[in-house]
N, C-alpha and C. Protein backbone atom coordinates (compact mmCIF):
# COMPACT_ATOMS: atom_id res chain seq x y z
N MET A 1 91.76 80.28 17.68
CA MET A 1 91.35 80.87 16.42
C MET A 1 92.33 80.39 15.35
N THR A 2 91.78 80.02 14.21
CA THR A 2 92.64 79.56 13.12
C THR A 2 92.59 80.55 11.97
N SER A 3 93.60 80.47 11.12
CA SER A 3 93.66 81.34 9.95
C SER A 3 93.82 80.49 8.70
N LEU A 4 93.26 80.96 7.63
CA LEU A 4 93.36 80.30 6.34
C LEU A 4 93.59 81.38 5.31
N THR A 5 94.55 81.18 4.41
CA THR A 5 94.91 82.22 3.46
C THR A 5 94.81 81.69 2.04
N LEU A 6 94.27 82.51 1.16
CA LEU A 6 94.28 82.22 -0.28
C LEU A 6 95.58 82.77 -0.83
N GLY A 7 96.41 81.94 -1.40
CA GLY A 7 97.68 82.42 -1.95
C GLY A 7 98.70 82.64 -0.85
N SER A 8 99.87 83.10 -1.23
CA SER A 8 100.92 83.31 -0.23
C SER A 8 100.83 84.71 0.33
N GLN A 9 101.32 84.84 1.54
CA GLN A 9 101.24 86.11 2.23
C GLN A 9 102.45 86.25 3.14
N SER A 10 103.01 87.44 3.20
CA SER A 10 104.14 87.66 4.09
C SER A 10 103.66 87.77 5.53
N SER A 11 104.60 87.63 6.47
CA SER A 11 104.21 87.76 7.88
C SER A 11 103.71 89.17 8.18
N ALA A 12 104.23 90.17 7.49
CA ALA A 12 103.76 91.56 7.68
C ALA A 12 102.31 91.69 7.23
N GLN A 13 101.94 91.04 6.11
CA GLN A 13 100.56 91.08 5.66
C GLN A 13 99.65 90.36 6.64
N ARG A 14 100.08 89.20 7.16
CA ARG A 14 99.28 88.47 8.15
C ARG A 14 99.07 89.32 9.38
N GLN A 15 100.13 89.98 9.86
CA GLN A 15 100.03 90.81 11.05
C GLN A 15 99.06 91.96 10.83
N ARG A 16 99.09 92.57 9.63
CA ARG A 16 98.19 93.67 9.33
C ARG A 16 96.73 93.21 9.44
N HIS A 17 96.42 92.01 8.95
CA HIS A 17 95.05 91.50 9.03
C HIS A 17 94.68 91.16 10.47
N ASP A 18 95.63 90.66 11.26
CA ASP A 18 95.35 90.34 12.66
C ASP A 18 95.04 91.60 13.45
N ASP A 19 95.62 92.73 13.06
CA ASP A 19 95.42 93.99 13.76
C ASP A 19 94.27 94.82 13.17
N ASP A 20 93.55 94.28 12.21
CA ASP A 20 92.49 95.01 11.53
C ASP A 20 91.40 95.41 12.52
N PRO A 21 91.11 96.71 12.65
CA PRO A 21 90.11 97.14 13.62
C PRO A 21 88.69 96.64 13.31
N THR A 22 88.35 96.52 12.04
CA THR A 22 87.02 96.03 11.69
C THR A 22 86.84 94.59 12.16
N THR A 23 87.82 93.76 11.87
CA THR A 23 87.76 92.37 12.30
C THR A 23 87.71 92.28 13.83
N SER A 24 88.47 93.11 14.50
CA SER A 24 88.47 93.13 15.96
C SER A 24 87.10 93.51 16.51
N GLN A 25 86.45 94.50 15.88
CA GLN A 25 85.11 94.90 16.31
C GLN A 25 84.10 93.79 16.10
N ILE A 26 84.21 93.09 14.98
CA ILE A 26 83.30 91.98 14.68
C ILE A 26 83.46 90.89 15.73
N ILE A 27 84.70 90.53 16.02
CA ILE A 27 84.97 89.47 16.99
C ILE A 27 84.46 89.87 18.38
N ALA A 28 84.68 91.12 18.77
CA ALA A 28 84.19 91.58 20.07
C ALA A 28 82.67 91.48 20.15
N ALA A 29 81.98 91.86 19.09
CA ALA A 29 80.51 91.77 19.07
C ALA A 29 80.06 90.31 19.14
N ALA A 30 80.74 89.43 18.40
CA ALA A 30 80.39 88.01 18.40
C ALA A 30 80.63 87.39 19.77
N ILE A 31 81.71 87.77 20.43
CA ILE A 31 82.00 87.27 21.77
C ILE A 31 80.90 87.71 22.74
N GLU A 32 80.43 88.92 22.61
CA GLU A 32 79.34 89.40 23.47
C GLU A 32 78.07 88.58 23.26
N VAL A 33 77.74 88.30 22.01
CA VAL A 33 76.55 87.47 21.71
C VAL A 33 76.72 86.09 22.32
N HIS A 34 77.89 85.50 22.13
CA HIS A 34 78.14 84.16 22.66
C HIS A 34 78.15 84.16 24.19
N ARG A 35 78.69 85.20 24.80
CA ARG A 35 78.72 85.31 26.26
C ARG A 35 77.31 85.29 26.84
N ILE A 36 76.39 85.97 26.16
CA ILE A 36 75.02 86.06 26.66
C ILE A 36 74.21 84.80 26.32
N LEU A 37 74.33 84.30 25.10
CA LEU A 37 73.49 83.18 24.66
C LEU A 37 74.11 81.81 24.90
N GLY A 38 75.45 81.71 24.85
CA GLY A 38 76.10 80.42 24.96
C GLY A 38 75.90 79.58 23.71
N PRO A 39 76.44 78.37 23.69
CA PRO A 39 76.29 77.48 22.53
C PRO A 39 74.94 76.76 22.55
N GLY A 40 74.60 76.12 21.42
CA GLY A 40 73.45 75.23 21.39
C GLY A 40 72.19 75.75 20.72
N LEU A 41 72.21 76.97 20.20
CA LEU A 41 71.04 77.52 19.54
C LEU A 41 71.18 77.40 18.03
N LEU A 42 70.14 77.79 17.32
CA LEU A 42 70.17 77.74 15.87
C LEU A 42 70.98 78.90 15.29
N GLU A 43 71.55 78.67 14.12
CA GLU A 43 72.33 79.68 13.41
C GLU A 43 71.57 80.99 13.25
N ALA A 44 70.29 80.90 12.91
CA ALA A 44 69.47 82.10 12.67
C ALA A 44 69.38 82.97 13.92
N VAL A 45 69.37 82.37 15.09
CA VAL A 45 69.30 83.13 16.35
C VAL A 45 70.59 83.92 16.53
N TYR A 46 71.72 83.27 16.33
CA TYR A 46 73.01 83.97 16.48
C TYR A 46 73.14 85.08 15.44
N GLU A 47 72.71 84.83 14.22
CA GLU A 47 72.80 85.85 13.18
C GLU A 47 71.96 87.07 13.54
N GLU A 48 70.75 86.84 13.99
CA GLU A 48 69.86 87.94 14.37
C GLU A 48 70.45 88.75 15.53
N CYS A 49 70.94 88.05 16.54
CA CYS A 49 71.50 88.74 17.71
C CYS A 49 72.80 89.46 17.37
N LEU A 50 73.62 88.88 16.50
CA LEU A 50 74.85 89.53 16.08
C LEU A 50 74.53 90.81 15.31
N CYS A 51 73.54 90.77 14.45
CA CYS A 51 73.13 91.98 13.72
C CYS A 51 72.63 93.05 14.68
N HIS A 52 71.90 92.64 15.71
CA HIS A 52 71.44 93.60 16.71
C HIS A 52 72.64 94.21 17.44
N GLU A 53 73.61 93.39 17.77
CA GLU A 53 74.82 93.88 18.44
C GLU A 53 75.57 94.87 17.54
N PHE A 54 75.62 94.59 16.23
CA PHE A 54 76.24 95.53 15.30
C PHE A 54 75.51 96.86 15.30
N ARG A 55 74.18 96.82 15.31
CA ARG A 55 73.42 98.07 15.35
C ARG A 55 73.73 98.85 16.64
N LEU A 56 73.79 98.16 17.77
CA LEU A 56 74.09 98.81 19.04
C LEU A 56 75.47 99.47 19.03
N ARG A 57 76.39 98.87 18.29
CA ARG A 57 77.77 99.37 18.23
C ARG A 57 78.03 100.26 17.01
N ASP A 58 76.98 100.56 16.26
CA ASP A 58 77.10 101.38 15.04
C ASP A 58 78.11 100.82 14.05
N ILE A 59 78.09 99.51 13.89
CA ILE A 59 78.94 98.85 12.91
C ILE A 59 78.10 98.61 11.66
N PRO A 60 78.47 99.23 10.54
CA PRO A 60 77.67 99.07 9.31
C PRO A 60 77.77 97.65 8.75
N PHE A 61 76.62 97.11 8.35
CA PHE A 61 76.59 95.76 7.82
C PHE A 61 75.39 95.59 6.89
N GLU A 62 75.45 94.55 6.08
CA GLU A 62 74.32 94.10 5.27
C GLU A 62 74.10 92.64 5.61
N ARG A 63 72.86 92.23 5.58
CA ARG A 63 72.51 90.86 5.96
C ARG A 63 71.89 90.12 4.79
N GLN A 64 72.19 88.83 4.66
CA GLN A 64 71.65 87.97 3.61
C GLN A 64 71.81 88.62 2.23
N VAL A 65 73.06 88.92 1.90
CA VAL A 65 73.40 89.61 0.66
C VAL A 65 73.38 88.61 -0.50
N SER A 66 72.61 88.92 -1.52
CA SER A 66 72.53 88.06 -2.71
C SER A 66 73.64 88.41 -3.69
N VAL A 67 74.32 87.40 -4.18
CA VAL A 67 75.37 87.56 -5.18
C VAL A 67 75.04 86.62 -6.34
N PRO A 68 74.91 87.15 -7.56
CA PRO A 68 74.57 86.28 -8.69
C PRO A 68 75.69 85.31 -9.03
N VAL A 69 75.31 84.14 -9.51
CA VAL A 69 76.28 83.16 -9.96
C VAL A 69 76.58 83.44 -11.44
N LEU A 70 77.86 83.65 -11.74
CA LEU A 70 78.29 83.86 -13.11
C LEU A 70 79.01 82.61 -13.58
N TYR A 71 78.63 82.15 -14.77
CA TYR A 71 79.26 80.98 -15.35
C TYR A 71 79.58 81.28 -16.80
N LYS A 72 80.87 81.26 -17.13
CA LYS A 72 81.35 81.56 -18.48
C LYS A 72 80.77 82.88 -18.99
N GLY A 73 80.78 83.87 -18.10
CA GLY A 73 80.35 85.21 -18.47
C GLY A 73 78.85 85.44 -18.45
N ALA A 74 78.07 84.42 -18.14
CA ALA A 74 76.61 84.57 -18.13
C ALA A 74 76.09 84.42 -16.71
N GLU A 75 75.12 85.28 -16.35
CA GLU A 75 74.48 85.18 -15.05
C GLU A 75 73.44 84.07 -15.10
N MET A 76 73.58 83.12 -14.18
CA MET A 76 72.67 81.99 -14.13
C MET A 76 71.38 82.40 -13.42
N GLN A 77 70.28 82.36 -14.13
CA GLN A 77 68.99 82.75 -13.58
C GLN A 77 68.58 81.75 -12.50
N GLY A 78 68.15 82.26 -11.37
CA GLY A 78 67.69 81.40 -10.28
C GLY A 78 68.80 80.82 -9.43
N ALA A 79 70.04 81.13 -9.75
CA ALA A 79 71.17 80.64 -8.96
C ALA A 79 71.88 81.83 -8.34
N ILE A 80 71.91 81.85 -7.02
CA ILE A 80 72.59 82.95 -6.31
C ILE A 80 73.36 82.39 -5.12
N TYR A 81 74.40 83.11 -4.74
CA TYR A 81 75.05 82.88 -3.46
C TYR A 81 74.35 83.79 -2.47
N ARG A 82 74.23 83.34 -1.25
CA ARG A 82 73.65 84.19 -0.22
C ARG A 82 74.65 84.31 0.92
N LEU A 83 75.21 85.52 1.08
CA LEU A 83 76.20 85.78 2.12
C LEU A 83 75.46 86.11 3.41
N ASP A 84 75.83 85.47 4.51
CA ASP A 84 75.13 85.71 5.78
C ASP A 84 75.18 87.19 6.16
N ILE A 85 76.39 87.72 6.31
CA ILE A 85 76.56 89.12 6.71
C ILE A 85 77.82 89.66 6.02
N VAL A 86 77.75 90.91 5.56
CA VAL A 86 78.93 91.60 5.05
C VAL A 86 79.07 92.88 5.88
N VAL A 87 80.23 93.03 6.52
CA VAL A 87 80.49 94.17 7.40
C VAL A 87 81.37 95.18 6.67
N GLU A 88 80.92 96.43 6.69
CA GLU A 88 81.64 97.55 6.07
C GLU A 88 82.04 97.26 4.63
N ASN A 89 81.24 96.48 3.95
CA ASN A 89 81.46 96.12 2.55
C ASN A 89 82.84 95.50 2.31
N GLN A 90 83.43 94.95 3.37
CA GLN A 90 84.79 94.41 3.28
C GLN A 90 84.94 93.00 3.83
N VAL A 91 84.22 92.68 4.90
CA VAL A 91 84.42 91.41 5.60
C VAL A 91 83.15 90.56 5.49
N ILE A 92 83.30 89.37 4.92
CA ILE A 92 82.18 88.44 4.81
C ILE A 92 82.16 87.56 6.06
N LEU A 93 80.99 87.46 6.69
CA LEU A 93 80.83 86.58 7.84
C LEU A 93 79.99 85.39 7.43
N GLU A 94 80.48 84.22 7.71
CA GLU A 94 79.72 82.98 7.52
C GLU A 94 79.44 82.45 8.92
N ILE A 95 78.17 82.47 9.29
CA ILE A 95 77.75 82.10 10.64
C ILE A 95 77.36 80.63 10.65
N LYS A 96 77.87 79.91 11.64
CA LYS A 96 77.55 78.50 11.82
C LYS A 96 77.20 78.22 13.27
N ALA A 97 76.43 77.17 13.48
CA ALA A 97 76.14 76.63 14.81
C ALA A 97 76.16 75.11 14.66
N VAL A 98 77.36 74.59 14.45
CA VAL A 98 77.53 73.18 14.13
C VAL A 98 78.45 72.51 15.14
N GLU A 99 78.32 71.19 15.23
CA GLU A 99 79.16 70.41 16.15
C GLU A 99 80.63 70.52 15.78
N GLU A 100 80.91 70.53 14.47
CA GLU A 100 82.28 70.61 14.00
C GLU A 100 82.32 71.38 12.67
N VAL A 101 83.26 72.29 12.54
CA VAL A 101 83.45 73.00 11.28
C VAL A 101 84.16 72.05 10.32
N LEU A 102 83.57 71.86 9.16
CA LEU A 102 84.12 70.96 8.16
C LEU A 102 84.89 71.75 7.10
N ARG A 103 85.68 71.03 6.33
CA ARG A 103 86.43 71.68 5.25
C ARG A 103 85.49 72.35 4.26
N VAL A 104 84.32 71.78 4.05
CA VAL A 104 83.36 72.36 3.10
C VAL A 104 82.87 73.74 3.58
N HIS A 105 82.78 73.94 4.89
CA HIS A 105 82.38 75.25 5.41
C HIS A 105 83.44 76.31 5.10
N LYS A 106 84.71 75.92 5.26
CA LYS A 106 85.81 76.84 4.94
C LYS A 106 85.86 77.10 3.43
N ALA A 107 85.65 76.04 2.64
CA ALA A 107 85.65 76.18 1.19
C ALA A 107 84.54 77.11 0.73
N GLN A 108 83.39 77.05 1.40
CA GLN A 108 82.27 77.93 1.07
C GLN A 108 82.68 79.40 1.23
N LEU A 109 83.30 79.72 2.36
CA LEU A 109 83.72 81.10 2.59
C LEU A 109 84.81 81.51 1.60
N LEU A 110 85.76 80.61 1.31
CA LEU A 110 86.78 80.91 0.32
C LEU A 110 86.16 81.22 -1.04
N SER A 111 85.16 80.45 -1.42
CA SER A 111 84.47 80.69 -2.70
C SER A 111 83.79 82.05 -2.69
N TYR A 112 83.14 82.40 -1.59
CA TYR A 112 82.49 83.72 -1.49
C TYR A 112 83.50 84.85 -1.64
N LEU A 113 84.67 84.70 -1.02
CA LEU A 113 85.71 85.73 -1.14
C LEU A 113 86.18 85.84 -2.59
N ARG A 114 86.37 84.72 -3.23
CA ARG A 114 86.84 84.74 -4.62
C ARG A 114 85.84 85.41 -5.55
N VAL A 115 84.57 85.03 -5.47
CA VAL A 115 83.60 85.56 -6.42
C VAL A 115 83.25 87.02 -6.15
N THR A 116 83.38 87.48 -4.91
CA THR A 116 83.07 88.87 -4.60
C THR A 116 84.28 89.77 -4.64
N GLY A 117 85.48 89.18 -4.54
CA GLY A 117 86.70 89.99 -4.49
C GLY A 117 86.91 90.67 -3.16
N LYS A 118 86.16 90.26 -2.14
CA LYS A 118 86.34 90.86 -0.81
C LYS A 118 87.68 90.40 -0.22
N PRO A 119 88.31 91.24 0.60
CA PRO A 119 89.65 90.90 1.08
C PRO A 119 89.70 89.88 2.21
N ARG A 120 88.66 89.79 3.04
CA ARG A 120 88.76 88.88 4.17
C ARG A 120 87.38 88.43 4.64
N GLY A 121 87.41 87.33 5.39
CA GLY A 121 86.18 86.78 5.92
C GLY A 121 86.41 86.12 7.25
N LEU A 122 85.32 85.93 7.98
CA LEU A 122 85.37 85.21 9.24
C LEU A 122 84.31 84.12 9.21
N LEU A 123 84.72 82.92 9.53
CA LEU A 123 83.81 81.81 9.74
C LEU A 123 83.64 81.72 11.25
N ILE A 124 82.41 81.96 11.73
CA ILE A 124 82.17 82.00 13.16
C ILE A 124 81.20 80.87 13.52
N ASN A 125 81.71 79.90 14.28
CA ASN A 125 80.88 78.81 14.77
C ASN A 125 80.54 79.07 16.23
N PHE A 126 79.26 79.31 16.50
CA PHE A 126 78.82 79.64 17.86
C PHE A 126 78.63 78.41 18.74
N ASN A 127 78.69 77.22 18.17
CA ASN A 127 78.43 76.01 18.94
C ASN A 127 79.71 75.45 19.55
N VAL A 128 80.39 76.29 20.32
CA VAL A 128 81.63 75.92 21.00
C VAL A 128 81.59 76.50 22.42
N PRO A 129 82.34 75.89 23.36
CA PRO A 129 82.33 76.42 24.73
C PRO A 129 82.92 77.84 24.83
N TYR A 130 84.00 78.08 24.07
CA TYR A 130 84.65 79.39 24.06
C TYR A 130 84.70 79.86 22.61
N LEU A 131 84.17 81.03 22.34
CA LEU A 131 84.04 81.47 20.95
C LEU A 131 85.38 81.57 20.24
N SER A 132 86.44 81.88 20.96
CA SER A 132 87.76 81.96 20.31
C SER A 132 88.11 80.65 19.60
N GLU A 133 87.55 79.54 20.05
CA GLU A 133 87.77 78.24 19.41
C GLU A 133 86.95 78.08 18.14
N GLY A 134 85.96 78.94 17.95
CA GLY A 134 85.05 78.79 16.82
C GLY A 134 85.24 79.81 15.71
N ILE A 135 86.33 80.59 15.77
CA ILE A 135 86.54 81.64 14.77
C ILE A 135 87.69 81.25 13.85
N THR A 136 87.43 81.28 12.55
CA THR A 136 88.47 81.04 11.55
C THR A 136 88.55 82.28 10.67
N ARG A 137 89.72 82.89 10.63
CA ARG A 137 89.96 84.04 9.74
C ARG A 137 90.36 83.52 8.37
N VAL A 138 89.81 84.13 7.34
CA VAL A 138 90.15 83.75 5.98
C VAL A 138 90.54 85.02 5.23
N VAL A 139 91.69 85.00 4.57
CA VAL A 139 92.20 86.16 3.86
C VAL A 139 92.31 85.84 2.38
N ASN A 140 91.75 86.72 1.57
CA ASN A 140 91.87 86.61 0.12
C ASN A 140 93.08 87.43 -0.28
N SER A 141 94.16 86.75 -0.63
CA SER A 141 95.41 87.46 -0.94
C SER A 141 95.36 88.16 -2.29
N LYS A 142 94.30 87.92 -3.08
CA LYS A 142 94.17 88.57 -4.38
C LYS A 142 92.79 89.19 -4.55
N PRO A 143 92.43 90.13 -3.64
CA PRO A 143 91.12 90.76 -3.77
C PRO A 143 91.05 91.66 -5.01
N MET A 144 89.84 91.80 -5.54
CA MET A 144 89.65 92.70 -6.69
C MET A 144 89.66 94.11 -6.16
N SER A 145 90.28 95.05 -6.90
CA SER A 145 90.35 96.44 -6.43
C SER A 145 89.20 97.24 -6.92
């Protein structure tokens, strides 16, 4: 599992995010989905099954959340960001099923964190032999309050 941070962060702050119970619950649910399905399916399948797993575990989430694009103070009509899943209104999940996670995938999640002011996100790539290899934690060191 890799970590990516926006801005600087102390080791105490990093440890606090590593011990976050919400993130731990999300990862446990994702591991269960991967354990049952394995790699090689479409992103939409993993997203659907992960949402079902969240319901089974009573983890509150929203799916395919629309966020308007703001440019110089104006909302751009017809332009929106679409967040795959937001858990407990705090953690953005970007679900992938790709051969390799690219820098642009990480940049996408970083952008989502910046524009929403959410504190943290997980990039989860299900197309790996072991899911722990496909999880990237992303922390927004300057979330909006």
